[in-house]
Amino acid sequence: MELYLSVFQQALNSVEQVKSTASPEELVRCTKPITQATAKAVAAGNSCKQEDVIVAANMGRKAISDMLAVCKGCSNAAETHELCVKTLDAGQEVAVQYRELLQTVLHILSRPGDRIADSKQALPPISRRIAQSLTELVSIAEQLKGSNWMDPDDPTVIAETELLGAAASIDAAAKKLSSLRPRRSLQVRRDE
């Protein structure tokens, strides 16, 4: 478990620049695995089973490292420096909160006896803070979309794209038709 916590710390402190970009939709999508990992970690803290803790730590490590990479990619594509900083800070906050959750679970596992109940009561507030941090991340993803963003799954956008494609095809066909010339008909005289 300490190994997972040190991996989290390395991911948090990483100054490695991601050269690619990521979309706001990817940022929103990466919140679901974190929510699932959080639920697993809370369940592991309540069950006090080593196997559950390992599963939760593995899920969390993958989800958090993916989220941090997407945050860095989104920050590269941000329209303003302020939005870039907000994106990185929000991702960092989610990672810090998840690390705190894992530290609390580790603390529960290392404390046998009566005091476990007190430590277990700390799990729901931490998971709520993670949920709040994820909500903030989704809010920032909405801001990253900018004013010109259109949802590619919106039926109106799909219809508009199809209509533009059809119009382009019609234009191409019209140009081709205008370049065609009628065939000259050969008139053969017959002597009767």
Protein backbone atom coordinates (compact mmCIF):
# COMPACT_ATOMS: atom_id res chain seq x y z
CA MET A 1 0.00 0.00 0.00
CA GLU A 2 2.85 2.38 0.76
CA LEU A 3 4.14 1.66 -2.75
CA TYR A 4 0.84 2.86 -4.24
CA LEU A 5 0.98 6.01 -2.16
CA SER A 6 4.51 6.74 -3.39
CA VAL A 7 3.39 6.16 -7.01
CA PHE A 8 0.58 8.66 -6.43
CA GLN A 9 3.04 11.16 -5.05
CA GLN A 10 5.28 10.72 -8.10
CA ALA A 11 2.32 11.26 -10.44
CA LEU A 12 1.32 14.37 -8.52
CA ASN A 13 4.81 15.83 -8.57
CA SER A 14 5.47 14.94 -12.20
CA VAL A 15 6.44 17.97 -14.23
CA GLU A 16 6.61 15.92 -17.40
CA GLN A 17 4.85 17.79 -20.15
CA VAL A 18 2.30 15.97 -22.22
CA LYS A 19 2.77 17.09 -25.80
CA SER A 20 -0.62 15.93 -27.02
CA THR A 21 -3.98 17.47 -26.33
CA ALA A 22 -7.14 15.99 -24.89
CA SER A 23 -10.75 16.95 -25.36
CA PRO A 24 -13.10 18.18 -22.64
CA GLU A 25 -15.23 15.08 -23.30
CA GLU A 26 -12.26 12.88 -22.38
CA LEU A 27 -11.89 14.85 -19.17
CA VAL A 28 -15.53 14.21 -18.29
CA ARG A 29 -15.23 10.52 -19.20
CA CYS A 30 -12.19 10.01 -16.97
CA THR A 31 -14.22 10.93 -13.88
CA LYS A 32 -16.25 7.69 -13.97
CA PRO A 33 -13.31 5.35 -13.22
CA ILE A 34 -12.31 7.62 -10.33
CA THR A 35 -15.83 7.43 -8.92
CA GLN A 36 -15.73 3.64 -9.20
CA ALA A 37 -12.28 3.47 -7.59
CA THR A 38 -13.48 5.71 -4.76
CA ALA A 39 -16.43 3.41 -4.08
CA LYS A 40 -14.06 0.42 -4.10
CA ALA A 41 -11.69 2.15 -1.67
CA VAL A 42 -14.50 3.01 0.75
CA ALA A 43 -15.77 -0.58 0.56
CA ALA A 44 -12.21 -1.85 1.15
CA GLY A 45 -11.88 0.41 4.18
CA ASN A 46 -15.12 -0.98 5.58
CA SER A 47 -14.28 -4.63 4.85
CA CYS A 48 -10.67 -4.36 6.09
CA LYS A 49 -9.65 -7.06 3.61
CA GLN A 50 -6.18 -6.79 2.14
CA GLU A 51 -7.35 -8.08 -1.27
CA ASP A 52 -10.04 -5.38 -1.50
CA VAL A 53 -7.52 -2.70 -0.64
CA ILE A 54 -5.12 -3.91 -3.34
CA VAL A 55 -7.91 -3.91 -5.96
CA ALA A 56 -8.98 -0.40 -4.92
CA ALA A 57 -5.40 0.87 -4.98
CA ASN A 58 -4.79 -0.59 -8.46
CA MET A 59 -8.03 0.86 -9.82
CA GLY A 60 -7.28 4.22 -8.25
CA ARG A 61 -3.70 4.34 -9.50
CA LYS A 62 -4.80 3.73 -13.09
CA ALA A 63 -7.77 6.10 -12.89
CA ILE A 64 -5.78 8.91 -11.28
CA SER A 65 -2.78 8.61 -13.61
CA ASP A 66 -5.11 8.59 -16.64
CA MET A 67 -6.99 11.61 -15.29
CA LEU A 68 -3.78 13.54 -14.65
CA ALA A 69 -2.59 12.83 -18.21
CA VAL A 70 -5.94 14.00 -19.62
CA CYS A 71 -5.79 17.14 -17.44
CA LYS A 72 -2.33 17.93 -18.81
CA GLY A 73 -3.58 17.32 -22.35
CA CYS A 74 -6.62 19.55 -21.80
CA SER A 75 -4.46 22.27 -20.30
CA ASN A 76 -2.36 22.25 -23.49
CA ALA A 77 -5.51 22.93 -25.50
CA ALA A 78 -6.97 25.53 -23.11
CA GLU A 79 -7.83 28.91 -24.64
CA THR A 80 -6.42 30.93 -21.73
CA HIS A 81 -3.59 30.54 -19.24
CA GLU A 82 -6.09 30.86 -16.38
CA LEU A 83 -8.10 27.92 -17.70
CA CYS A 84 -4.89 25.93 -18.14
CA VAL A 85 -3.97 26.50 -14.48
CA LYS A 86 -7.51 25.75 -13.27
CA THR A 87 -7.51 22.44 -15.15
CA LEU A 88 -4.20 21.33 -13.67
CA ASP A 89 -5.17 22.46 -10.16
CA ALA A 90 -8.51 20.65 -10.28
CA GLY A 91 -6.86 17.42 -11.42
CA GLN A 92 -4.24 17.79 -8.71
CA GLU A 93 -6.98 18.28 -6.09
CA VAL A 94 -8.78 15.08 -7.14
CA ALA A 95 -5.51 13.15 -6.90
CA VAL A 96 -4.70 14.61 -3.46
CA GLN A 97 -8.16 13.72 -2.16
CA TYR A 98 -7.88 10.16 -3.48
CA ARG A 99 -4.44 9.80 -1.92
CA GLU A 100 -5.94 10.94 1.40
CA LEU A 101 -8.64 8.28 1.03
CA LEU A 102 -6.02 5.58 0.49
CA GLN A 103 -3.99 6.82 3.46
CA THR A 104 -7.11 6.59 5.62
CA VAL A 105 -7.78 3.05 4.40
CA LEU A 106 -4.17 2.13 5.19
CA HIS A 107 -4.59 3.68 8.63
CA ILE A 108 -7.72 1.56 9.21
CA LEU A 109 -5.87 -1.61 8.22
CA SER A 110 -2.99 -0.85 10.55
CA ARG A 111 -5.24 -0.16 13.57
CA PRO A 112 -6.74 -3.31 14.98
CA GLY A 113 -9.41 -3.21 17.64
CA ASP A 114 -11.98 -0.71 18.84
CA ARG A 115 -10.55 2.39 17.18
CA ILE A 116 -11.38 1.14 13.69
CA ALA A 117 -14.94 2.47 13.94
CA ASP A 118 -13.66 6.02 14.47
CA SER A 119 -11.35 5.76 11.48
CA LYS A 120 -14.08 4.29 9.28
CA GLN A 121 -16.23 7.35 9.98
CA ALA A 122 -13.66 9.44 8.13
CA LEU A 123 -14.28 7.58 4.85
CA PRO A 124 -17.65 9.14 3.81
CA PRO A 125 -16.48 12.77 4.21
CA ILE A 126 -13.36 12.06 2.15
CA SER A 127 -15.40 10.39 -0.58
CA ARG A 128 -17.74 13.43 -0.60
CA ARG A 129 -14.72 15.71 -1.07
CA ILE A 130 -13.61 13.55 -3.99
CA ALA A 131 -17.09 13.86 -5.49
CA GLN A 132 -16.95 17.65 -5.05
CA SER A 133 -13.52 17.77 -6.68
CA LEU A 134 -14.81 15.70 -9.60
CA THR A 135 -17.79 18.04 -9.95
CA GLU A 136 -15.36 20.95 -10.16
CA LEU A 137 -13.35 19.07 -12.79
CA VAL A 138 -16.50 18.53 -14.89
CA SER A 139 -17.33 22.23 -14.52
CA ILE A 140 -13.89 23.13 -15.82
CA ALA A 141 -14.37 20.70 -18.72
CA GLU A 142 -17.49 22.67 -19.66
CA GLN A 143 -15.43 25.88 -19.61
CA LEU A 144 -12.76 24.22 -21.76
CA LYS A 145 -15.32 23.61 -24.48
CA GLY A 146 -15.35 27.32 -25.22
CA SER A 147 -17.99 29.36 -26.95
CA ASN A 148 -17.64 27.71 -30.38
CA TRP A 149 -17.98 24.14 -29.16
CA MET A 150 -20.73 21.97 -30.53
CA ASP A 151 -21.67 18.56 -29.15
CA PRO A 152 -20.88 16.02 -31.90
CA ASP A 153 -23.65 13.74 -30.58
CA ASP A 154 -26.31 16.45 -30.79
CA PRO A 155 -28.91 15.43 -33.42
CA THR A 156 -28.95 18.97 -34.80
CA VAL A 157 -25.19 18.92 -35.33
CA ILE A 158 -25.39 15.48 -36.94
CA ALA A 159 -28.17 16.65 -39.29
CA GLU A 160 -26.24 19.81 -40.16
CA THR A 161 -23.13 17.78 -40.97
CA GLU A 162 -25.15 15.40 -43.16
CA LEU A 163 -26.80 18.32 -44.97
CA LEU A 164 -23.45 20.00 -45.60
CA GLY A 165 -22.11 16.72 -46.97
CA ALA A 166 -25.14 16.33 -49.23
CA ALA A 167 -24.79 19.93 -50.43
CA ALA A 168 -21.13 19.33 -51.29
CA SER A 169 -22.09 16.20 -53.25
CA ILE A 170 -24.78 18.12 -55.15
CA ASP A 171 -22.28 20.88 -55.97
CA ALA A 172 -19.77 18.35 -57.25
CA ALA A 173 -22.43 16.66 -59.38
CA ALA A 174 -23.59 20.02 -60.78
CA LYS A 175 -20.03 20.95 -61.77
CA LYS A 176 -19.54 17.62 -63.45
CA LEU A 177 -22.82 17.96 -65.33
CA SER A 178 -21.96 21.46 -66.50
CA SER A 179 -18.69 20.23 -67.96
CA LEU A 180 -20.40 17.54 -69.98
CA ARG A 181 -21.44 18.37 -73.52
CA PRO A 182 -24.15 16.62 -75.42
CA ARG A 183 -23.01 14.07 -77.91
CA ARG A 184 -23.16 15.05 -81.49
CA SER A 185 -25.57 12.92 -83.27
CA LEU A 186 -24.34 11.50 -86.51
CA GLN A 187 -26.82 11.94 -89.19
CA VAL A 188 -26.31 9.56 -92.00
CA ARG A 189 -28.07 10.26 -95.21
CA ARG A 190 -29.61 7.42 -96.84
CA ASP A 191 -30.40 7.40 -100.45
CA GLU A 192 -33.63 5.86 -101.09
